[in-house]
Every structure is written in C-alpha cells, then in structure tokens.
PDB file of N, CA and C in Angstrom:
ATOM      1  N   MET A   1      -1.251  26.113 -14.440  1.00  0.00           N
ATOM      2  CA  MET A   1      -0.179  25.986 -15.404  1.00  0.00           C
ATOM      3  C   MET A   1       1.011  25.216 -14.819  1.00  0.00           C
ATOM      4  N   GLU A   2       0.903  24.799 -13.592  1.00  0.00           N
ATOM      5  CA  GLU A   2       2.007  24.085 -12.955  1.00  0.00           C
ATOM      6  C   GLU A   2       1.946  22.583 -13.170  1.00  0.00           C
ATOM      7  N   HIS A   3       0.777  22.073 -13.589  1.00  0.00           N
ATOM      8  CA  HIS A   3       0.583  20.634 -13.695  1.00  0.00           C
ATOM      9  C   HIS A   3       0.376  20.216 -15.148  1.00  0.00           C
ATOM     10  N   PHE A   4       0.829  19.014 -15.453  1.00  0.00           N
ATOM     11  CA  PHE A   4       0.687  18.477 -16.804  1.00  0.00           C
ATOM     12  C   PHE A   4      -0.713  17.925 -17.006  1.00  0.00           C
ATOM     13  N   VAL A   5      -1.221  18.026 -18.212  1.00  0.00           N
ATOM     14  CA  VAL A   5      -2.527  17.463 -18.546  1.00  0.00           C
ATOM     15  C   VAL A   5      -2.406  15.941 -18.626  1.00  0.00           C
ATOM     16  N   PHE A   6      -1.344  15.454 -19.263  1.00  0.00           N
ATOM     17  CA  PHE A   6      -1.105  14.026 -19.396  1.00  0.00           C
ATOM     18  C   PHE A   6       0.050  13.661 -18.476  1.00  0.00           C
ATOM     19  N   LYS A   7      -0.290  13.106 -17.334  1.00  0.00           N
ATOM     20  CA  LYS A   7       0.721  12.806 -16.327  1.00  0.00           C
ATOM     21  C   LYS A   7       1.245  11.391 -16.457  1.00  0.00           C
ATOM     22  N   SER A   8       2.503  11.239 -16.137  1.00  0.00           N
ATOM     23  CA  SER A   8       3.139   9.937 -16.088  1.00  0.00           C
ATOM     24  C   SER A   8       2.777   9.265 -14.768  1.00  0.00           C
ATOM     25  N   ARG A   9       2.849   7.960 -14.760  1.00  0.00           N
ATOM     26  CA  ARG A   9       2.632   7.244 -13.500  1.00  0.00           C
ATOM     27  C   ARG A   9       3.868   7.328 -12.618  1.00  0.00           C
ATOM     28  N   GLU A  10       4.966   7.781 -13.184  1.00  0.00           N
ATOM     29  CA  GLU A  10       6.230   7.910 -12.466  1.00  0.00           C
ATOM     30  C   GLU A  10       6.295   9.280 -11.789  1.00  0.00           C
ATOM     31  N   GLY A  11       6.426   9.316 -10.526  1.00  0.00           N
ATOM     32  CA  GLY A  11       6.559  10.581  -9.812  1.00  0.00           C
ATOM     33  C   GLY A  11       5.243  11.316  -9.657  1.00  0.00           C
ATOM     34  N   GLU A  12       5.303  12.437  -8.967  1.00  0.00           N
ATOM     35  CA  GLU A  12       4.083  13.186  -8.670  1.00  0.00           C
ATOM     36  C   GLU A  12       3.623  14.084  -9.801  1.00  0.00           C
ATOM     37  N   ASN A  13       4.532  14.784 -10.451  1.00  0.00           N
ATOM     38  CA  ASN A  13       4.140  15.722 -11.500  1.00  0.00           C
ATOM     39  C   ASN A  13       5.097  15.641 -12.683  1.00  0.00           C
ATOM     40  N   ASN A  14       5.150  14.467 -13.301  1.00  0.00           N
ATOM     41  CA  ASN A  14       5.990  14.275 -14.473  1.00  0.00           C
ATOM     42  C   ASN A  14       5.112  14.078 -15.695  1.00  0.00           C
ATOM     43  N   ALA A  15       5.567  14.565 -16.824  1.00  0.00           N
ATOM     44  CA  ALA A  15       4.826  14.413 -18.081  1.00  0.00           C
ATOM     45  C   ALA A  15       5.101  13.042 -18.682  1.00  0.00           C
ATOM     46  N   ILE A  16       4.181  12.585 -19.537  1.00  0.00           N
ATOM     47  CA  ILE A  16       4.452  11.361 -20.281  1.00  0.00           C
ATOM     48  C   ILE A  16       5.499  11.689 -21.347  1.00  0.00           C
ATOM     49  N   THR A  17       6.169  10.656 -21.827  1.00  0.00           N
ATOM     50  CA  THR A  17       7.183  10.885 -22.855  1.00  0.00           C
ATOM     51  C   THR A  17       6.522  11.019 -24.219  1.00  0.00           C
ATOM     52  N   ARG A  18       7.276  11.496 -25.178  1.00  0.00           N
ATOM     53  CA  ARG A  18       6.787  11.614 -26.550  1.00  0.00           C
ATOM     54  C   ARG A  18       6.397  10.245 -27.097  1.00  0.00           C
ATOM     55  N   GLN A  19       7.179   9.236 -26.766  1.00  0.00           N
ATOM     56  CA  GLN A  19       6.882   7.877 -27.233  1.00  0.00           C
ATOM     57  C   GLN A  19       5.589   7.350 -26.608  1.00  0.00           C
ATOM     58  N   GLN A  20       5.364   7.633 -25.325  1.00  0.00           N
ATOM     59  CA  GLN A  20       4.119   7.216 -24.678  1.00  0.00           C
ATOM     60  C   GLN A  20       2.921   7.896 -25.338  1.00  0.00           C
ATOM     61  N   ALA A  21       3.055   9.178 -25.639  1.00  0.00           N
ATOM     62  CA  ALA A  21       1.976   9.913 -26.299  1.00  0.00           C
ATOM     63  C   ALA A  21       1.682   9.308 -27.670  1.00  0.00           C
ATOM     64  N   LEU A  22       2.716   8.951 -28.408  1.00  0.00           N
ATOM     65  CA  LEU A  22       2.543   8.342 -29.724  1.00  0.00           C
ATOM     66  C   LEU A  22       1.810   7.006 -29.618  1.00  0.00           C
ATOM     67  N   ASN A  23       2.207   6.174 -28.661  1.00  0.00           N
ATOM     68  CA  ASN A  23       1.555   4.872 -28.482  1.00  0.00           C
ATOM     69  C   ASN A  23       0.079   5.034 -28.121  1.00  0.00           C
ATOM     70  N   ILE A  24      -0.239   5.951 -27.236  1.00  0.00           N
ATOM     71  CA  ILE A  24      -1.626   6.198 -26.836  1.00  0.00           C
ATOM     72  C   ILE A  24      -2.429   6.681 -28.032  1.00  0.00           C
ATOM     73  N   LEU A  25      -1.864   7.599 -28.797  1.00  0.00           N
ATOM     74  CA  LEU A  25      -2.550   8.157 -29.959  1.00  0.00           C
ATOM     75  C   LEU A  25      -2.806   7.093 -31.022  1.00  0.00           C
ATOM     76  N   LYS A  26      -1.813   6.264 -31.312  1.00  0.00           N
ATOM     77  CA  LYS A  26      -1.980   5.205 -32.311  1.00  0.00           C
ATOM     78  C   LYS A  26      -3.026   4.180 -31.864  1.00  0.00           C
ATOM     79  N   ASP A  27      -3.018   3.820 -30.588  1.00  0.00           N
ATOM     80  CA  ASP A  27      -4.014   2.873 -30.074  1.00  0.00           C
ATOM     81  C   ASP A  27      -5.421   3.458 -30.165  1.00  0.00           C
ATOM     82  N   ALA A  28      -5.554   4.740 -29.835  1.00  0.00           N
ATOM     83  CA  ALA A  28      -6.867   5.390 -29.901  1.00  0.00           C
ATOM     84  C   ALA A  28      -7.358   5.462 -31.342  1.00  0.00           C
ATOM     85  N   ALA A  29      -6.474   5.800 -32.268  1.00  0.00           N
ATOM     86  CA  ALA A  29      -6.852   5.888 -33.678  1.00  0.00           C
ATOM     87  C   ALA A  29      -7.288   4.523 -34.198  1.00  0.00           C
ATOM     88  N   LYS A  30      -6.536   3.495 -33.838  1.00  0.00           N
ATOM     89  CA  LYS A  30      -6.881   2.147 -34.286  1.00  0.00           C
ATOM     90  C   LYS A  30      -8.239   1.715 -33.722  1.00  0.00           C
ATOM     91  N   SER A  31      -8.521   2.063 -32.480  1.00  0.00           N
ATOM     92  CA  SER A  31      -9.764   1.627 -31.845  1.00  0.00           C
ATOM     93  C   SER A  31     -11.011   2.279 -32.452  1.00  0.00           C
ATOM     94  N   VAL A  32     -10.840   3.438 -33.099  1.00  0.00           N
ATOM     95  CA  VAL A  32     -11.988   4.092 -33.744  1.00  0.00           C
ATOM     96  C   VAL A  32     -11.982   3.915 -35.261  1.00  0.00           C
ATOM     97  N   GLY A  33     -11.062   3.076 -35.753  1.00  0.00           N
ATOM     98  CA  GLY A  33     -11.074   2.725 -37.166  1.00  0.00           C
ATOM     99  C   GLY A  33     -10.300   3.644 -38.084  1.00  0.00           C
ATOM    100  N   VAL A  34      -9.410   4.466 -37.555  1.00  0.00           N
ATOM    101  CA  VAL A  34      -8.576   5.323 -38.399  1.00  0.00           C
ATOM    102  C   VAL A  34      -7.403   4.487 -38.888  1.00  0.00           C
ATOM    103  N   ASN A  35      -7.329   4.294 -40.191  1.00  0.00           N
ATOM    104  CA  ASN A  35      -6.279   3.452 -40.765  1.00  0.00           C
ATOM    105  C   ASN A  35      -5.133   4.259 -41.358  1.00  0.00           C
ATOM    106  N   GLU A  36      -5.225   5.562 -41.321  1.00  0.00           N
ATOM    107  CA  GLU A  36      -4.170   6.420 -41.861  1.00  0.00           C
ATOM    108  C   GLU A  36      -2.995   6.490 -40.893  1.00  0.00           C
ATOM    109  N   ASN A  37      -1.840   6.859 -41.432  1.00  0.00           N
ATOM    110  CA  ASN A  37      -0.672   7.058 -40.588  1.00  0.00           C
ATOM    111  C   ASN A  37      -0.915   8.281 -39.714  1.00  0.00           C
ATOM    112  N   ILE A  38      -0.793   8.130 -38.427  1.00  0.00           N
ATOM    113  CA  ILE A  38      -1.063   9.227 -37.499  1.00  0.00           C
ATOM    114  C   ILE A  38       0.100   9.345 -36.527  1.00  0.00           C
ATOM    115  N   GLY A  39       0.404  10.564 -36.126  1.00  0.00           N
ATOM    116  CA  GLY A  39       1.485  10.794 -35.184  1.00  0.00           C
ATOM    117  C   GLY A  39       1.133  11.933 -34.248  1.00  0.00           C
ATOM    118  N   THR A  40       2.062  12.237 -33.374  1.00  0.00           N
ATOM    119  CA  THR A  40       1.803  13.297 -32.393  1.00  0.00           C
ATOM    120  C   THR A  40       1.630  14.652 -33.063  1.00  0.00           C
ATOM    121  N   HIS A  41       2.258  14.864 -34.209  1.00  0.00           N
ATOM    122  CA  HIS A  41       2.119  16.134 -34.912  1.00  0.00           C
ATOM    123  C   HIS A  41       0.714  16.294 -35.477  1.00  0.00           C
ATOM    124  N   SER A  42       0.021  15.193 -35.682  1.00  0.00           N
ATOM    125  CA  SER A  42      -1.361  15.241 -36.181  1.00  0.00           C
ATOM    126  C   SER A  42      -2.262  16.031 -35.239  1.00  0.00           C
ATOM    127  N   LEU A  43      -1.957  16.012 -33.951  1.00  0.00           N
ATOM    128  CA  LEU A  43      -2.758  16.762 -32.976  1.00  0.00           C
ATOM    129  C   LEU A  43      -2.675  18.269 -33.221  1.00  0.00           C
ATOM    130  N   ARG A  44      -1.565  18.727 -33.729  1.00  0.00           N
ATOM    131  CA  ARG A  44      -1.394  20.155 -34.000  1.00  0.00           C
ATOM    132  C   ARG A  44      -2.264  20.609 -35.176  1.00  0.00           C
ATOM    133  N   LYS A  45      -2.587  19.672 -36.055  1.00  0.00           N
ATOM    134  CA  LYS A  45      -3.322  20.016 -37.270  1.00  0.00           C
ATOM    135  C   LYS A  45      -4.831  20.015 -37.053  1.00  0.00           C
ATOM    136  N   THR A  46      -5.291  19.534 -35.909  1.00  0.00           N
ATOM    137  CA  THR A  46      -6.732  19.424 -35.691  1.00  0.00           C
ATOM    138  C   THR A  46      -7.287  20.602 -34.936  1.00  0.00           C
TER     139      THR A  46
END
C-alpha cells in the first residue's frame, strides 16, 4: 500500500497526475475504437 500502481517517471515513488491519466485513458480508448467521450471517472463506473 506504500507504492502507486501508476508511477510517474519523475522521482522514485510519485503518482501520475490526473491529466496524465486522462491522456493515457483517451489514447487507449481511441486505439481500441471507442469513439464515445471517456474520462477518468469512467473507470469508476466499470
């Protein structure tokens, strides 16, 4: 519980930012053909 699942490249144990998470999520959705509006809150609904 001391370490982040999604780590930033900055520092040893820093989390990615909300904006970085959004960019990764949108890129992943686009790459699999999801054309709907998707955001970080969408992860909570799945």
